[in-house]
Amino acid sequence: MDMFGRSDSEFSDAYVRWGLRKLNNAQLRQQYIADTRPLLEELGITVPADTANRRFL
């Protein structure tokens, strides 16, 4: 989950303002969770808590 970068990145929101990205790091992470969690659960895969073993939030 940390592949999207830190939620408090000072550049994340700037990239959105500059039009380089549509969503900031926190929004990308939430979208990824919303897209993948139902698929994994449908396959019977137990998904750990969103904050389990995370280096960055």
Protein backbone atom coordinates (compact mmCIF):
# COMPACT_ATOMS: atom_id res chain seq x y z
CA MET A 1 0.00 0.00 0.00
CA ASP A 2 2.91 2.36 0.46
CA MET A 3 3.46 2.32 -3.29
CA PHE A 4 1.38 5.49 -3.55
CA GLY A 5 3.69 7.49 -1.29
CA ARG A 6 3.10 9.34 1.93
CA SER A 7 -0.29 10.93 2.54
CA ASP A 8 1.40 14.04 3.91
CA SER A 9 3.67 14.52 0.89
CA GLU A 10 4.01 18.22 0.15
CA PHE A 11 4.20 17.51 -3.58
CA SER A 12 1.19 15.21 -3.86
CA ASP A 13 -1.37 18.02 -3.75
CA ALA A 14 0.83 20.23 -5.93
CA TYR A 15 0.85 17.59 -8.68
CA VAL A 16 -2.94 17.62 -8.61
CA ARG A 17 -3.04 21.43 -8.77
CA TRP A 18 -0.58 21.45 -11.67
CA GLY A 19 -2.68 18.89 -13.55
CA LEU A 20 -0.03 16.17 -13.53
CA ARG A 21 -2.26 13.85 -11.54
CA LYS A 22 -5.98 13.66 -10.87
CA LEU A 23 -5.75 12.36 -7.29
CA ASN A 24 -3.33 12.84 -4.41
CA ASN A 25 -1.57 9.94 -2.64
CA ALA A 26 -4.26 9.40 -0.01
CA GLN A 27 -7.03 9.47 -2.61
CA LEU A 28 -5.15 7.03 -4.86
CA ARG A 29 -4.67 4.66 -1.94
CA GLN A 30 -8.38 4.76 -1.04
CA GLN A 31 -9.37 4.19 -4.67
CA TYR A 32 -7.03 1.20 -4.89
CA ILE A 33 -8.53 -0.29 -1.74
CA ALA A 34 -12.08 0.30 -2.99
CA ASP A 35 -11.26 -1.35 -6.33
CA THR A 36 -9.30 -4.37 -5.10
CA ARG A 37 -10.76 -5.33 -1.70
CA PRO A 38 -14.08 -6.66 -3.10
CA LEU A 39 -12.24 -8.70 -5.73
CA LEU A 40 -9.92 -10.26 -3.16
CA GLU A 41 -12.75 -11.02 -0.76
CA GLU A 42 -14.74 -12.59 -3.59
CA LEU A 43 -11.79 -14.93 -4.17
CA GLY A 44 -11.81 -15.84 -0.48
CA ILE A 45 -8.58 -14.00 0.32
CA THR A 46 -8.45 -12.50 3.80
CA VAL A 47 -7.46 -8.85 3.50
CA PRO A 48 -5.49 -7.39 6.43
CA ALA A 49 -6.44 -4.07 8.02
CA ASP A 50 -5.56 -1.02 5.94
CA THR A 51 -3.10 0.21 8.56
CA ALA A 52 -1.48 -3.15 9.41
CA ASN A 53 2.32 -3.12 9.05
CA ARG A 54 2.32 0.24 7.28
CA ARG A 55 5.39 2.46 7.20
CA PHE A 56 3.48 5.51 5.97
CA LEU A 57 -0.13 6.59 6.17
